[in-house]
Amino acid sequence: MLGTAQWKTVTDLVAWLDSINGCSQEEITLRILKLTEEAGEVAQAWIGVVGQNPRKGVTHTMPQVQDELVDVMVTAAVALASVTDDPAAVLDAKLAQIAAARLTPASHH
């Protein structure tokens, strides 16, 4: 999913955050909680694209939704790289597990 250069950027971001904020359990907790904030921003942008709130109307664009989705991905990658030395392997294994479950015909009992 992420290439070598992208994972390098992610691990550089983790090193930068570690140097500024440390890497305590509290700091890792906050990095994980940051995902909730970013997910909320995606939801807000999508609601703004479809104009779901009649009081506000259309307030966002599709590029803003895309930007917020990338923020979620980067935030998740940083959190993952904060809790494992090999985030690429963890991601690859999980993607393989998801693909196998979805692409394998379900057994019928």
N, C-alpha and C. Protein backbone atom coordinates (compact mmCIF):
# COMPACT_ATOMS: atom_id res chain seq x y z
N MET A 1 0.83 -1.18 0.00
CA MET A 1 0.00 0.00 0.00
C MET A 1 0.88 1.25 0.00
N LEU A 2 1.75 1.37 0.97
CA LEU A 2 2.71 2.46 0.98
C LEU A 2 4.04 1.94 0.45
N GLY A 3 4.69 2.77 -0.34
CA GLY A 3 5.99 2.38 -0.87
C GLY A 3 7.10 2.66 0.13
N THR A 4 8.29 2.23 -0.24
CA THR A 4 9.45 2.40 0.64
C THR A 4 9.69 3.86 0.99
N ALA A 5 9.62 4.75 0.01
CA ALA A 5 9.85 6.18 0.26
C ALA A 5 8.78 6.75 1.19
N GLN A 6 7.54 6.28 1.02
CA GLN A 6 6.46 6.77 1.88
C GLN A 6 6.65 6.29 3.32
N TRP A 7 7.03 5.02 3.49
CA TRP A 7 7.30 4.53 4.84
C TRP A 7 8.48 5.27 5.46
N LYS A 8 9.47 5.63 4.65
CA LYS A 8 10.62 6.40 5.15
C LYS A 8 10.12 7.74 5.69
N THR A 9 9.23 8.40 4.95
CA THR A 9 8.66 9.66 5.42
C THR A 9 7.90 9.46 6.72
N VAL A 10 7.11 8.40 6.80
CA VAL A 10 6.36 8.11 8.02
C VAL A 10 7.30 7.90 9.20
N THR A 11 8.34 7.09 9.01
CA THR A 11 9.26 6.85 10.13
C THR A 11 10.04 8.11 10.49
N ASP A 12 10.31 8.96 9.52
CA ASP A 12 10.93 10.25 9.82
C ASP A 12 9.98 11.11 10.66
N LEU A 13 8.69 11.08 10.32
CA LEU A 13 7.71 11.82 11.12
C LEU A 13 7.65 11.30 12.55
N VAL A 14 7.70 9.98 12.70
CA VAL A 14 7.69 9.39 14.04
C VAL A 14 8.93 9.83 14.82
N ALA A 15 10.09 9.79 14.18
CA ALA A 15 11.33 10.23 14.85
C ALA A 15 11.23 11.70 15.25
N TRP A 16 10.66 12.51 14.38
CA TRP A 16 10.49 13.94 14.68
C TRP A 16 9.55 14.13 15.87
N LEU A 17 8.40 13.42 15.85
CA LEU A 17 7.48 13.52 16.98
C LEU A 17 8.11 13.02 18.27
N ASP A 18 8.84 11.89 18.18
CA ASP A 18 9.52 11.36 19.36
C ASP A 18 10.50 12.38 19.94
N SER A 19 11.21 13.09 19.07
CA SER A 19 12.21 14.05 19.54
C SER A 19 11.56 15.26 20.21
N ILE A 20 10.36 15.60 19.80
CA ILE A 20 9.67 16.76 20.37
C ILE A 20 8.80 16.37 21.56
N ASN A 21 8.03 15.29 21.41
CA ASN A 21 7.03 14.92 22.41
C ASN A 21 7.40 13.70 23.24
N GLY A 22 8.49 13.04 22.87
CA GLY A 22 8.82 11.79 23.54
C GLY A 22 7.99 10.66 22.96
N CYS A 23 8.12 9.49 23.56
CA CYS A 23 7.37 8.33 23.06
C CYS A 23 6.79 7.54 24.22
N SER A 24 6.29 8.26 25.20
CA SER A 24 5.66 7.63 26.36
C SER A 24 4.34 6.98 25.95
N GLN A 25 3.81 6.20 26.85
CA GLN A 25 2.50 5.58 26.59
C GLN A 25 1.44 6.65 26.36
N GLU A 26 1.52 7.74 27.11
CA GLU A 26 0.57 8.84 26.93
C GLU A 26 0.70 9.44 25.53
N GLU A 27 1.92 9.64 25.07
CA GLU A 27 2.13 10.19 23.73
C GLU A 27 1.58 9.25 22.65
N ILE A 28 1.83 7.96 22.80
CA ILE A 28 1.31 6.99 21.83
C ILE A 28 -0.21 7.00 21.86
N THR A 29 -0.80 7.09 23.05
CA THR A 29 -2.25 7.18 23.19
C THR A 29 -2.78 8.39 22.42
N LEU A 30 -2.12 9.51 22.55
CA LEU A 30 -2.57 10.72 21.85
C LEU A 30 -2.43 10.57 20.34
N ARG A 31 -1.40 9.88 19.87
CA ARG A 31 -1.25 9.65 18.43
C ARG A 31 -2.39 8.78 17.91
N ILE A 32 -2.79 7.81 18.71
CA ILE A 32 -3.91 6.94 18.32
C ILE A 32 -5.22 7.72 18.37
N LEU A 33 -5.42 8.52 19.40
CA LEU A 33 -6.64 9.33 19.49
C LEU A 33 -6.73 10.36 18.37
N LYS A 34 -5.60 10.79 17.85
CA LYS A 34 -5.58 11.74 16.74
C LYS A 34 -6.35 11.19 15.53
N LEU A 35 -6.40 9.86 15.41
CA LEU A 35 -7.17 9.24 14.32
C LEU A 35 -8.64 9.63 14.40
N THR A 36 -9.18 9.67 15.59
CA THR A 36 -10.58 10.04 15.77
C THR A 36 -10.81 11.47 15.29
N GLU A 37 -9.92 12.36 15.64
CA GLU A 37 -10.03 13.74 15.18
C GLU A 37 -10.01 13.81 13.66
N GLU A 38 -9.06 13.12 13.05
CA GLU A 38 -8.93 13.16 11.60
C GLU A 38 -10.15 12.54 10.91
N ALA A 39 -10.66 11.44 11.48
CA ALA A 39 -11.86 10.81 10.91
C ALA A 39 -13.05 11.76 10.98
N GLY A 40 -13.15 12.50 12.05
CA GLY A 40 -14.21 13.51 12.18
C GLY A 40 -14.10 14.58 11.12
N GLU A 41 -12.88 14.95 10.78
CA GLU A 41 -12.67 15.96 9.74
C GLU A 41 -13.08 15.44 8.37
N VAL A 42 -12.85 14.14 8.11
CA VAL A 42 -13.31 13.54 6.85
C VAL A 42 -14.84 13.58 6.80
N ALA A 43 -15.47 13.19 7.90
CA ALA A 43 -16.93 13.20 7.96
C ALA A 43 -17.47 14.60 7.72
N GLN A 44 -16.87 15.58 8.36
CA GLN A 44 -17.31 16.96 8.19
C GLN A 44 -17.17 17.41 6.74
N ALA A 45 -16.05 17.06 6.11
CA ALA A 45 -15.83 17.45 4.72
C ALA A 45 -16.85 16.77 3.81
N TRP A 46 -17.11 15.47 4.04
CA TRP A 46 -18.08 14.76 3.19
C TRP A 46 -19.48 15.34 3.35
N ILE A 47 -19.87 15.60 4.59
CA ILE A 47 -21.17 16.24 4.84
C ILE A 47 -21.24 17.57 4.11
N GLY A 48 -20.11 18.28 4.09
CA GLY A 48 -20.05 19.56 3.38
C GLY A 48 -20.12 19.41 1.86
N VAL A 49 -19.60 18.32 1.33
CA VAL A 49 -19.66 18.08 -0.12
C VAL A 49 -21.10 17.78 -0.55
N VAL A 50 -21.77 16.93 0.21
CA VAL A 50 -23.13 16.53 -0.19
C VAL A 50 -24.19 17.53 0.27
N GLY A 51 -23.79 18.52 1.06
CA GLY A 51 -24.73 19.55 1.50
C GLY A 51 -25.78 19.00 2.45
N GLN A 52 -25.42 18.03 3.25
CA GLN A 52 -26.36 17.36 4.13
C GLN A 52 -26.96 18.30 5.16
N ASN A 53 -26.21 19.28 5.60
CA ASN A 53 -26.72 20.22 6.60
C ASN A 53 -27.42 21.36 5.86
N PRO A 54 -28.76 21.40 5.89
CA PRO A 54 -29.47 22.42 5.12
C PRO A 54 -29.19 23.85 5.60
N ARG A 55 -28.79 23.99 6.83
CA ARG A 55 -28.47 25.31 7.34
C ARG A 55 -27.20 25.86 6.71
N LYS A 56 -26.24 24.94 6.40
CA LYS A 56 -24.95 25.36 5.86
C LYS A 56 -24.84 25.16 4.36
N GLY A 57 -25.52 24.15 3.83
CA GLY A 57 -25.42 23.86 2.40
C GLY A 57 -24.08 23.22 2.05
N VAL A 58 -23.65 23.38 0.82
CA VAL A 58 -22.39 22.82 0.35
C VAL A 58 -21.25 23.71 0.85
N THR A 59 -20.36 23.11 1.63
CA THR A 59 -19.29 23.89 2.25
C THR A 59 -17.89 23.37 1.92
N HIS A 60 -17.81 22.19 1.30
CA HIS A 60 -16.52 21.58 1.02
C HIS A 60 -16.48 21.07 -0.41
N THR A 61 -15.27 20.73 -0.85
CA THR A 61 -15.06 20.20 -2.20
C THR A 61 -14.51 18.78 -2.10
N MET A 62 -14.59 18.05 -3.21
CA MET A 62 -14.04 16.70 -3.23
C MET A 62 -12.53 16.69 -2.94
N PRO A 63 -11.75 17.64 -3.48
CA PRO A 63 -10.33 17.66 -3.09
C PRO A 63 -10.11 17.82 -1.59
N GLN A 64 -11.00 18.51 -0.90
CA GLN A 64 -10.88 18.63 0.55
C GLN A 64 -11.16 17.29 1.22
N VAL A 65 -12.13 16.54 0.71
CA VAL A 65 -12.40 15.20 1.25
C VAL A 65 -11.17 14.33 1.04
N GLN A 66 -10.61 14.37 -0.16
CA GLN A 66 -9.43 13.57 -0.47
C GLN A 66 -8.28 13.93 0.46
N ASP A 67 -8.08 15.22 0.69
CA ASP A 67 -7.01 15.69 1.58
C ASP A 67 -7.21 15.15 3.00
N GLU A 68 -8.45 15.18 3.46
CA GLU A 68 -8.74 14.69 4.81
C GLU A 68 -8.54 13.17 4.90
N LEU A 69 -8.90 12.45 3.83
CA LEU A 69 -8.66 11.00 3.83
C LEU A 69 -7.17 10.69 3.92
N VAL A 70 -6.36 11.46 3.22
CA VAL A 70 -4.91 11.26 3.30
C VAL A 70 -4.41 11.58 4.71
N ASP A 71 -4.97 12.61 5.33
CA ASP A 71 -4.59 12.90 6.72
C ASP A 71 -4.86 11.70 7.62
N VAL A 72 -6.00 11.03 7.41
CA VAL A 72 -6.32 9.83 8.19
C VAL A 72 -5.28 8.74 7.93
N MET A 73 -4.95 8.53 6.67
CA MET A 73 -3.98 7.49 6.32
C MET A 73 -2.62 7.77 6.94
N VAL A 74 -2.16 9.01 6.86
CA VAL A 74 -0.85 9.37 7.41
C VAL A 74 -0.88 9.24 8.93
N THR A 75 -1.94 9.71 9.54
CA THR A 75 -2.06 9.62 11.00
C THR A 75 -2.06 8.16 11.45
N ALA A 76 -2.76 7.30 10.73
CA ALA A 76 -2.77 5.88 11.06
C ALA A 76 -1.39 5.26 10.86
N ALA A 77 -0.72 5.64 9.79
CA ALA A 77 0.62 5.10 9.53
C ALA A 77 1.60 5.54 10.61
N VAL A 78 1.50 6.79 11.03
CA VAL A 78 2.37 7.28 12.10
C VAL A 78 2.08 6.53 13.40
N ALA A 79 0.81 6.35 13.72
CA ALA A 79 0.46 5.61 14.94
C ALA A 79 0.97 4.18 14.85
N LEU A 80 0.79 3.55 13.70
CA LEU A 80 1.27 2.17 13.53
C LEU A 80 2.78 2.10 13.69
N ALA A 81 3.48 3.02 13.06
CA ALA A 81 4.95 3.04 13.15
C ALA A 81 5.43 3.40 14.54
N SER A 82 4.54 3.93 15.35
CA SER A 82 4.89 4.24 16.74
C SER A 82 4.78 3.03 17.66
N VAL A 83 4.12 1.97 17.18
CA VAL A 83 3.92 0.80 18.03
C VAL A 83 4.55 -0.47 17.47
N THR A 84 5.27 -0.36 16.34
CA THR A 84 5.97 -1.51 15.78
C THR A 84 7.21 -1.02 15.03
N ASP A 85 8.23 -1.86 15.02
CA ASP A 85 9.44 -1.53 14.27
C ASP A 85 9.31 -1.85 12.79
N ASP A 86 8.27 -2.58 12.40
CA ASP A 86 8.10 -2.96 11.00
C ASP A 86 6.65 -2.73 10.56
N PRO A 87 6.25 -1.45 10.46
CA PRO A 87 4.85 -1.17 10.12
C PRO A 87 4.47 -1.69 8.73
N ALA A 88 5.40 -1.71 7.80
CA ALA A 88 5.09 -2.21 6.46
C ALA A 88 4.69 -3.67 6.50
N ALA A 89 5.41 -4.47 7.27
CA ALA A 89 5.08 -5.90 7.38
C ALA A 89 3.73 -6.10 8.05
N VAL A 90 3.44 -5.30 9.06
CA VAL A 90 2.15 -5.40 9.76
C VAL A 90 1.02 -5.06 8.79
N LEU A 91 1.19 -3.98 8.04
CA LEU A 91 0.17 -3.59 7.06
C LEU A 91 0.01 -4.65 5.98
N ASP A 92 1.11 -5.13 5.44
CA ASP A 92 1.05 -6.16 4.39
C ASP A 92 0.33 -7.40 4.88
N ALA A 93 0.64 -7.84 6.11
CA ALA A 93 0.00 -9.03 6.66
C ALA A 93 -1.50 -8.82 6.83
N LYS A 94 -1.88 -7.66 7.31
CA LYS A 94 -3.31 -7.37 7.51
C LYS A 94 -4.03 -7.28 6.17
N LEU A 95 -3.43 -6.64 5.19
CA LEU A 95 -4.05 -6.57 3.87
C LEU A 95 -4.22 -7.95 3.27
N ALA A 96 -3.24 -8.81 3.43
CA ALA A 96 -3.33 -10.18 2.92
C ALA A 96 -4.46 -10.92 3.62
N GLN A 97 -4.59 -10.72 4.93
CA GLN A 97 -5.65 -11.38 5.69
C GLN A 97 -7.02 -10.89 5.22
N ILE A 98 -7.16 -9.60 5.01
CA ILE A 98 -8.44 -9.03 4.55
C ILE A 98 -8.76 -9.54 3.14
N ALA A 99 -7.77 -9.53 2.27
CA ALA A 99 -7.98 -9.99 0.90
C ALA A 99 -8.38 -11.45 0.88
N ALA A 100 -7.72 -12.27 1.68
CA ALA A 100 -8.04 -13.70 1.71
C ALA A 100 -9.47 -13.92 2.19
N ALA A 101 -9.87 -13.18 3.18
CA ALA A 101 -11.23 -13.33 3.72
C ALA A 101 -12.28 -12.86 2.73
N ARG A 102 -11.98 -11.84 1.98
CA ARG A 102 -12.96 -11.25 1.06
C ARG A 102 -12.97 -11.94 -0.30
N LEU A 103 -11.83 -12.44 -0.70
CA LEU A 103 -11.70 -12.99 -2.05
C LEU A 103 -11.88 -14.49 -2.09
N THR A 104 -11.94 -15.14 -0.93
CA THR A 104 -12.15 -16.58 -0.86
C THR A 104 -13.64 -16.83 -0.75
N PRO A 105 -14.19 -17.69 -1.58
CA PRO A 105 -15.64 -17.98 -1.49
C PRO A 105 -15.99 -18.49 -0.10
N ALA A 106 -17.08 -18.01 0.43
CA ALA A 106 -17.52 -18.42 1.75
C ALA A 106 -17.95 -19.87 1.72
N SER A 107 -17.62 -20.57 2.76
CA SER A 107 -18.05 -21.98 2.85
C SER A 107 -19.50 -21.99 3.33
N HIS A 108 -20.24 -22.93 2.83
CA HIS A 108 -21.65 -23.07 3.23
C HIS A 108 -21.79 -24.29 4.11
N HIS A 109 -22.49 -24.13 5.21
CA HIS A 109 -22.67 -25.25 6.14
C HIS A 109 -23.94 -25.96 5.85
